[in-house]
Amino acid sequence: MRIGRALLLTAVTLASALTLSACSDDGGKPNGSSGGNYVTGAGGISTVSKDARTDAPKLDGETVDGKTLDTTALKGKVVVLNVWGSWCPPCRAEAPNFAKVSKELADAGKDVQFVGINTRDTSKQNATSFEENFGITYPSLYDPDGKLLLRFPAGTLNPQAIPSTIVLDKQGRIAARTLVAISEQQLRSMIDPVLAEQ
């Protein structure tokens, strides 16, 4: 009986460690994130040349505030997708950057739409409180079990790497991504080149 308990305790400890390491901003390369046509630059930001980009999957469903959203309706705009959870400390650290940049770009009349993907929050109340606390005004799809993340092509996202950010070009193709928390400057460095494209 004691051996069984020891094995169970070991398994629980390992599972907890893996969960905590998934929500980190240590800048390391998460497992399963290689592949595709990505070129990784400074700060863990990967880009894809215009001629090698693939279409992003259709992301649709209910938002944290109870509305519906379909990202395919956003073609013609640069779309910034941010995967986050209210339970994730690096997500809380980067949230003010997303709130600030999204507001500044909207105020400047830029063709950019931010969309959050809230994952692994078992309650919309936690997600709503997160958005209110950090001044997030853009919509977030509610994805408690991570099914939307699984729609991305293999090698695009690591479902364990929270937060993650993907920038789509105006044709709805994946242009840039990062699988770690980012600063305001890093966020702008992902968006600005895609916005400048003709």
C-alpha atoms as a PDB file:
ATOM      1  CA  MET A   1       0.000   0.000   0.000  1.00  0.00           C
ATOM      2  CA  ARG A   2       2.826   2.402   0.818  1.00  0.00           C
ATOM      3  CA  ILE A   3       4.529   1.766  -2.535  1.00  0.00           C
ATOM      4  CA  GLY A   4       1.287   2.634  -4.332  1.00  0.00           C
ATOM      5  CA  ARG A   5       0.997   5.896  -2.421  1.00  0.00           C
ATOM      6  CA  ALA A   6       4.635   6.744  -3.121  1.00  0.00           C
ATOM      7  CA  LEU A   7       4.120   6.123  -6.845  1.00  0.00           C
ATOM      8  CA  LEU A   8       0.957   8.227  -6.827  1.00  0.00           C
ATOM      9  CA  LEU A   9       2.724  11.060  -5.010  1.00  0.00           C
ATOM     10  CA  THR A  10       5.603  10.907  -7.503  1.00  0.00           C
ATOM     11  CA  ALA A  11       3.184  10.990 -10.462  1.00  0.00           C
ATOM     12  CA  VAL A  12       1.282  13.959  -9.002  1.00  0.00           C
ATOM     13  CA  THR A  13       4.542  15.818  -8.325  1.00  0.00           C
ATOM     14  CA  LEU A  14       5.776  15.244 -11.896  1.00  0.00           C
ATOM     15  CA  ALA A  15       2.440  16.323 -13.382  1.00  0.00           C
ATOM     16  CA  SER A  16       2.487  19.493 -11.271  1.00  0.00           C
ATOM     17  CA  ALA A  17       6.032  20.304 -12.333  1.00  0.00           C
ATOM     18  CA  LEU A  18       5.143  19.855 -16.003  1.00  0.00           C
ATOM     19  CA  THR A  19       2.092  22.092 -15.620  1.00  0.00           C
ATOM     20  CA  LEU A  20       4.106  24.840 -13.942  1.00  0.00           C
ATOM     21  CA  SER A  21       6.893  24.667 -16.508  1.00  0.00           C
ATOM     22  CA  ALA A  22       4.368  25.031 -19.339  1.00  0.00           C
ATOM     23  CA  CYS A  23       3.318  28.417 -18.062  1.00  0.00           C
ATOM     24  CA  SER A  24       6.729  30.050 -18.082  1.00  0.00           C
ATOM     25  CA  ASP A  25       8.572  32.787 -19.866  1.00  0.00           C
ATOM     26  CA  ASP A  26      12.070  31.394 -19.574  1.00  0.00           C
ATOM     27  CA  GLY A  27      12.731  31.973 -23.263  1.00  0.00           C
ATOM     28  CA  GLY A  28      13.564  28.339 -23.912  1.00  0.00           C
ATOM     29  CA  LYS A  29      12.263  26.491 -26.942  1.00  0.00           C
ATOM     30  CA  PRO A  30       9.175  24.532 -25.910  1.00  0.00           C
ATOM     31  CA  ASN A  31       9.098  20.917 -27.034  1.00  0.00           C
ATOM     32  CA  GLY A  32       7.034  20.242 -30.106  1.00  0.00           C
ATOM     33  CA  SER A  33       7.308  23.784 -31.388  1.00  0.00           C
ATOM     34  CA  SER A  34       9.713  23.216 -34.239  1.00  0.00           C
ATOM     35  CA  GLY A  35       8.728  22.623 -37.811  1.00  0.00           C
ATOM     36  CA  GLY A  36       6.993  24.730 -40.382  1.00  0.00           C
ATOM     37  CA  ASN A  37       8.721  27.560 -42.209  1.00  0.00           C
ATOM     38  CA  TYR A  38       9.603  29.595 -39.131  1.00  0.00           C
ATOM     39  CA  VAL A  39      12.792  31.577 -38.728  1.00  0.00           C
ATOM     40  CA  THR A  40      13.396  32.309 -35.046  1.00  0.00           C
ATOM     41  CA  GLY A  41      14.902  35.668 -34.212  1.00  0.00           C
ATOM     42  CA  ALA A  42      15.742  37.511 -31.027  1.00  0.00           C
ATOM     43  CA  GLY A  43      13.500  37.026 -28.025  1.00  0.00           C
ATOM     44  CA  GLY A  44      11.988  33.795 -29.326  1.00  0.00           C
ATOM     45  CA  ILE A  45       9.934  35.511 -32.039  1.00  0.00           C
ATOM     46  CA  SER A  46       9.580  33.423 -35.184  1.00  0.00           C
ATOM     47  CA  THR A  47       8.552  34.800 -38.560  1.00  0.00           C
ATOM     48  CA  VAL A  48       7.491  33.301 -41.872  1.00  0.00           C
ATOM     49  CA  SER A  49       8.326  34.848 -45.250  1.00  0.00           C
ATOM     50  CA  LYS A  50       5.327  35.932 -47.314  1.00  0.00           C
ATOM     51  CA  ASP A  51       5.755  33.168 -49.874  1.00  0.00           C
ATOM     52  CA  ALA A  52       5.937  30.382 -47.243  1.00  0.00           C
ATOM     53  CA  ARG A  53       2.940  31.270 -45.067  1.00  0.00           C
ATOM     54  CA  THR A  54       0.061  28.919 -44.384  1.00  0.00           C
ATOM     55  CA  ASP A  55      -3.547  29.773 -43.675  1.00  0.00           C
ATOM     56  CA  ALA A  56      -4.574  30.021 -40.053  1.00  0.00           C
ATOM     57  CA  PRO A  57      -7.411  27.706 -39.048  1.00  0.00           C
ATOM     58  CA  LYS A  58     -10.941  28.957 -38.606  1.00  0.00           C
ATOM     59  CA  LEU A  59     -11.323  29.968 -34.984  1.00  0.00           C
ATOM     60  CA  ASP A  60     -14.911  30.475 -33.976  1.00  0.00           C
ATOM     61  CA  GLY A  61     -17.128  30.146 -30.973  1.00  0.00           C
ATOM     62  CA  GLU A  62     -18.339  31.899 -27.883  1.00  0.00           C
ATOM     63  CA  THR A  63     -16.369  34.727 -26.344  1.00  0.00           C
ATOM     64  CA  VAL A  64     -15.704  35.315 -22.659  1.00  0.00           C
ATOM     65  CA  ASP A  65     -18.459  37.964 -22.655  1.00  0.00           C
ATOM     66  CA  GLY A  66     -21.016  35.575 -24.196  1.00  0.00           C
ATOM     67  CA  LYS A  67     -20.966  36.851 -27.793  1.00  0.00           C
ATOM     68  CA  THR A  68     -19.806  34.894 -30.839  1.00  0.00           C
ATOM     69  CA  LEU A  69     -16.745  35.446 -32.983  1.00  0.00           C
ATOM     70  CA  ASP A  70     -15.371  33.945 -36.203  1.00  0.00           C
ATOM     71  CA  THR A  71     -11.830  35.024 -37.066  1.00  0.00           C
ATOM     72  CA  THR A  72     -12.295  34.276 -40.777  1.00  0.00           C
ATOM     73  CA  ALA A  73     -14.513  37.389 -40.881  1.00  0.00           C
ATOM     74  CA  LEU A  74     -11.439  39.472 -39.999  1.00  0.00           C
ATOM     75  CA  LYS A  75      -9.577  38.946 -43.309  1.00  0.00           C
ATOM     76  CA  GLY A  76      -8.335  42.279 -44.601  1.00  0.00           C
ATOM     77  CA  LYS A  77      -6.936  43.160 -41.158  1.00  0.00           C
ATOM     78  CA  VAL A  78      -3.798  42.109 -39.369  1.00  0.00           C
ATOM     79  CA  VAL A  79      -4.986  39.829 -36.547  1.00  0.00           C
ATOM     80  CA  VAL A  80      -3.088  39.399 -33.297  1.00  0.00           C
ATOM     81  CA  LEU A  81      -4.046  36.181 -31.490  1.00  0.00           C
ATOM     82  CA  ASN A  82      -2.980  35.927 -27.855  1.00  0.00           C
ATOM     83  CA  VAL A  83      -3.439  32.635 -25.984  1.00  0.00           C
ATOM     84  CA  TRP A  84      -3.816  33.256 -22.248  1.00  0.00           C
ATOM     85  CA  GLY A  85      -5.261  31.983 -18.992  1.00  0.00           C
ATOM     86  CA  SER A  86      -6.154  33.889 -15.831  1.00  0.00           C
ATOM     87  CA  TRP A  87      -4.220  31.260 -13.827  1.00  0.00           C
ATOM     88  CA  CYS A  88      -0.949  31.978 -15.668  1.00  0.00           C
ATOM     89  CA  PRO A  89       1.547  34.445 -14.067  1.00  0.00           C
ATOM     90  CA  PRO A  90       3.388  35.237 -17.370  1.00  0.00           C
ATOM     91  CA  CYS A  91      -0.016  36.009 -18.938  1.00  0.00           C
ATOM     92  CA  ARG A  92      -0.675  38.536 -16.179  1.00  0.00           C
ATOM     93  CA  ALA A  93       2.780  40.017 -16.745  1.00  0.00           C
ATOM     94  CA  GLU A  94       2.239  40.605 -20.474  1.00  0.00           C
ATOM     95  CA  ALA A  95      -1.461  41.602 -20.345  1.00  0.00           C
ATOM     96  CA  PRO A  96      -0.800  45.352 -19.782  1.00  0.00           C
ATOM     97  CA  ASN A  97       1.359  45.351 -22.953  1.00  0.00           C
ATOM     98  CA  PHE A  98      -1.490  43.869 -25.004  1.00  0.00           C
ATOM     99  CA  ALA A  99      -4.039  46.286 -23.521  1.00  0.00           C
ATOM    100  CA  LYS A 100      -1.808  49.286 -24.292  1.00  0.00           C
ATOM    101  CA  VAL A 101      -0.755  48.319 -27.821  1.00  0.00           C
ATOM    102  CA  SER A 102      -4.261  47.269 -28.881  1.00  0.00           C
ATOM    103  CA  LYS A 103      -5.693  50.597 -27.671  1.00  0.00           C
ATOM    104  CA  GLU A 104      -2.954  52.684 -29.299  1.00  0.00           C
ATOM    105  CA  LEU A 105      -3.319  50.918 -32.656  1.00  0.00           C
ATOM    106  CA  ALA A 106      -7.119  51.253 -32.538  1.00  0.00           C
ATOM    107  CA  ASP A 107      -6.843  54.961 -31.661  1.00  0.00           C
ATOM    108  CA  ALA A 108      -4.440  55.411 -34.607  1.00  0.00           C
ATOM    109  CA  GLY A 109      -6.965  53.809 -36.970  1.00  0.00           C
ATOM    110  CA  LYS A 110      -4.686  50.902 -37.901  1.00  0.00           C
ATOM    111  CA  ASP A 111      -6.169  47.800 -39.565  1.00  0.00           C
ATOM    112  CA  VAL A 112      -5.357  45.524 -36.634  1.00  0.00           C
ATOM    113  CA  GLN A 113      -7.732  43.349 -34.620  1.00  0.00           C
ATOM    114  CA  PHE A 114      -6.633  41.729 -31.381  1.00  0.00           C
ATOM    115  CA  VAL A 115      -8.331  38.479 -30.351  1.00  0.00           C
ATOM    116  CA  GLY A 116      -7.629  36.572 -27.171  1.00  0.00           C
ATOM    117  CA  ILE A 117      -7.976  32.829 -26.789  1.00  0.00           C
ATOM    118  CA  ASN A 118      -8.702  32.106 -23.139  1.00  0.00           C
ATOM    119  CA  THR A 119      -7.717  28.536 -22.341  1.00  0.00           C
ATOM    120  CA  ARG A 120      -7.978  26.185 -19.376  1.00  0.00           C
ATOM    121  CA  ASP A 121     -10.060  28.592 -17.297  1.00  0.00           C
ATOM    122  CA  THR A 122     -12.879  26.512 -15.872  1.00  0.00           C
ATOM    123  CA  SER A 123     -14.967  29.601 -15.200  1.00  0.00           C
ATOM    124  CA  LYS A 124     -15.797  32.563 -17.416  1.00  0.00           C
ATOM    125  CA  GLN A 125     -15.891  34.618 -14.231  1.00  0.00           C
ATOM    126  CA  ASN A 126     -12.122  34.207 -13.770  1.00  0.00           C
ATOM    127  CA  ALA A 127     -11.512  35.166 -17.407  1.00  0.00           C
ATOM    128  CA  THR A 128     -13.819  38.192 -17.164  1.00  0.00           C
ATOM    129  CA  SER A 129     -12.074  39.391 -13.995  1.00  0.00           C
ATOM    130  CA  PHE A 130      -8.704  39.058 -15.745  1.00  0.00           C
ATOM    131  CA  GLU A 131      -9.901  41.197 -18.678  1.00  0.00           C
ATOM    132  CA  GLU A 132     -11.363  43.828 -16.350  1.00  0.00           C
ATOM    133  CA  ASN A 133      -8.258  43.956 -14.132  1.00  0.00           C
ATOM    134  CA  PHE A 134      -5.913  44.485 -17.083  1.00  0.00           C
ATOM    135  CA  GLY A 135      -8.138  46.696 -19.251  1.00  0.00           C
ATOM    136  CA  ILE A 136      -8.462  44.163 -22.067  1.00  0.00           C
ATOM    137  CA  THR A 137     -11.146  45.582 -24.379  1.00  0.00           C
ATOM    138  CA  TYR A 138     -10.813  43.232 -27.360  1.00  0.00           C
ATOM    139  CA  PRO A 139     -12.774  39.949 -27.547  1.00  0.00           C
ATOM    140  CA  SER A 140     -11.432  36.638 -26.296  1.00  0.00           C
ATOM    141  CA  LEU A 141     -12.694  33.270 -27.467  1.00  0.00           C
ATOM    142  CA  TYR A 142     -13.495  31.017 -24.507  1.00  0.00           C
ATOM    143  CA  ASP A 143     -11.640  27.713 -24.973  1.00  0.00           C
ATOM    144  CA  PRO A 144     -11.555  25.972 -21.579  1.00  0.00           C
ATOM    145  CA  ASP A 145     -10.442  22.593 -22.939  1.00  0.00           C
ATOM    146  CA  GLY A 146      -7.991  23.838 -25.588  1.00  0.00           C
ATOM    147  CA  LYS A 147      -9.891  22.524 -28.627  1.00  0.00           C
ATOM    148  CA  LEU A 148      -9.296  25.718 -30.642  1.00  0.00           C
ATOM    149  CA  LEU A 149      -5.537  25.400 -30.132  1.00  0.00           C
ATOM    150  CA  LEU A 150      -5.625  21.923 -31.645  1.00  0.00           C
ATOM    151  CA  ARG A 151      -6.941  23.369 -34.923  1.00  0.00           C
ATOM    152  CA  PHE A 152      -3.547  24.918 -35.709  1.00  0.00           C
ATOM    153  CA  PRO A 153      -1.236  22.982 -38.045  1.00  0.00           C
ATOM    154  CA  ALA A 154       1.294  20.722 -36.312  1.00  0.00           C
ATOM    155  CA  GLY A 155       4.363  22.666 -35.217  1.00  0.00           C
ATOM    156  CA  THR A 156       2.561  26.026 -35.067  1.00  0.00           C
ATOM    157  CA  LEU A 157       1.595  26.073 -31.408  1.00  0.00           C
ATOM    158  CA  ASN A 158       2.562  24.048 -28.393  1.00  0.00           C
ATOM    159  CA  PRO A 159      -0.704  23.728 -26.413  1.00  0.00           C
ATOM    160  CA  GLN A 160       1.394  23.626 -23.233  1.00  0.00           C
ATOM    161  CA  ALA A 161       3.125  26.952 -24.007  1.00  0.00           C
ATOM    162  CA  ILE A 162       0.894  29.559 -22.400  1.00  0.00           C
ATOM    163  CA  PRO A 163       1.053  32.437 -23.192  1.00  0.00           C
ATOM    164  CA  SER A 164       1.579  32.306 -26.937  1.00  0.00           C
ATOM    165  CA  THR A 165       1.013  34.947 -29.594  1.00  0.00           C
ATOM    166  CA  ILE A 166       0.414  34.597 -33.323  1.00  0.00           C
ATOM    167  CA  VAL A 167       0.143  37.419 -35.871  1.00  0.00           C
ATOM    168  CA  LEU A 168      -1.873  36.804 -39.030  1.00  0.00           C
ATOM    169  CA  ASP A 169      -1.388  38.848 -42.169  1.00  0.00           C
ATOM    170  CA  LYS A 170      -4.289  40.508 -43.995  1.00  0.00           C
ATOM    171  CA  GLN A 171      -4.897  37.311 -45.971  1.00  0.00           C
ATOM    172  CA  GLY A 172      -5.384  35.319 -42.765  1.00  0.00           C
ATOM    173  CA  ARG A 173      -2.015  33.556 -42.978  1.00  0.00           C
ATOM    174  CA  ILE A 174       0.383  32.949 -40.088  1.00  0.00           C
ATOM    175  CA  ALA A 175       3.145  35.565 -40.327  1.00  0.00           C
ATOM    176  CA  ALA A 176       4.765  35.523 -36.861  1.00  0.00           C
ATOM    177  CA  ARG A 177       4.552  33.715 -33.558  1.00  0.00           C
ATOM    178  CA  THR A 178       6.098  33.465 -30.135  1.00  0.00           C
ATOM    179  CA  LEU A 179       5.575  30.803 -27.500  1.00  0.00           C
ATOM    180  CA  VAL A 180       6.624  32.929 -24.514  1.00  0.00           C
ATOM    181  CA  ALA A 181       5.446  36.086 -22.729  1.00  0.00           C
ATOM    182  CA  ILE A 182       6.522  39.249 -24.550  1.00  0.00           C
ATOM    183  CA  SER A 183       7.159  42.921 -23.857  1.00  0.00           C
ATOM    184  CA  GLU A 184       5.453  45.854 -25.528  1.00  0.00           C
ATOM    185  CA  GLN A 185       8.486  46.326 -27.789  1.00  0.00           C
ATOM    186  CA  GLN A 186       8.480  42.665 -28.833  1.00  0.00           C
ATOM    187  CA  LEU A 187       4.757  42.797 -29.543  1.00  0.00           C
ATOM    188  CA  ARG A 188       5.204  45.825 -31.788  1.00  0.00           C
ATOM    189  CA  SER A 189       8.133  44.130 -33.538  1.00  0.00           C
ATOM    190  CA  MET A 190       5.755  41.297 -34.474  1.00  0.00           C
ATOM    191  CA  ILE A 191       2.934  43.544 -35.681  1.00  0.00           C
ATOM    192  CA  ASP A 192       4.647  46.484 -37.411  1.00  0.00           C
ATOM    193  CA  PRO A 193       6.359  44.583 -40.263  1.00  0.00           C
ATOM    194  CA  VAL A 194       3.107  42.752 -41.106  1.00  0.00           C
ATOM    195  CA  LEU A 195       1.159  46.022 -41.038  1.00  0.00           C
ATOM    196  CA  ALA A 196       3.702  47.571 -43.411  1.00  0.00           C
ATOM    197  CA  GLU A 197       3.305  44.844 -46.024  1.00  0.00           C
ATOM    198  CA  GLN A 198       1.670  45.756 -49.331  1.00  0.00           C
END
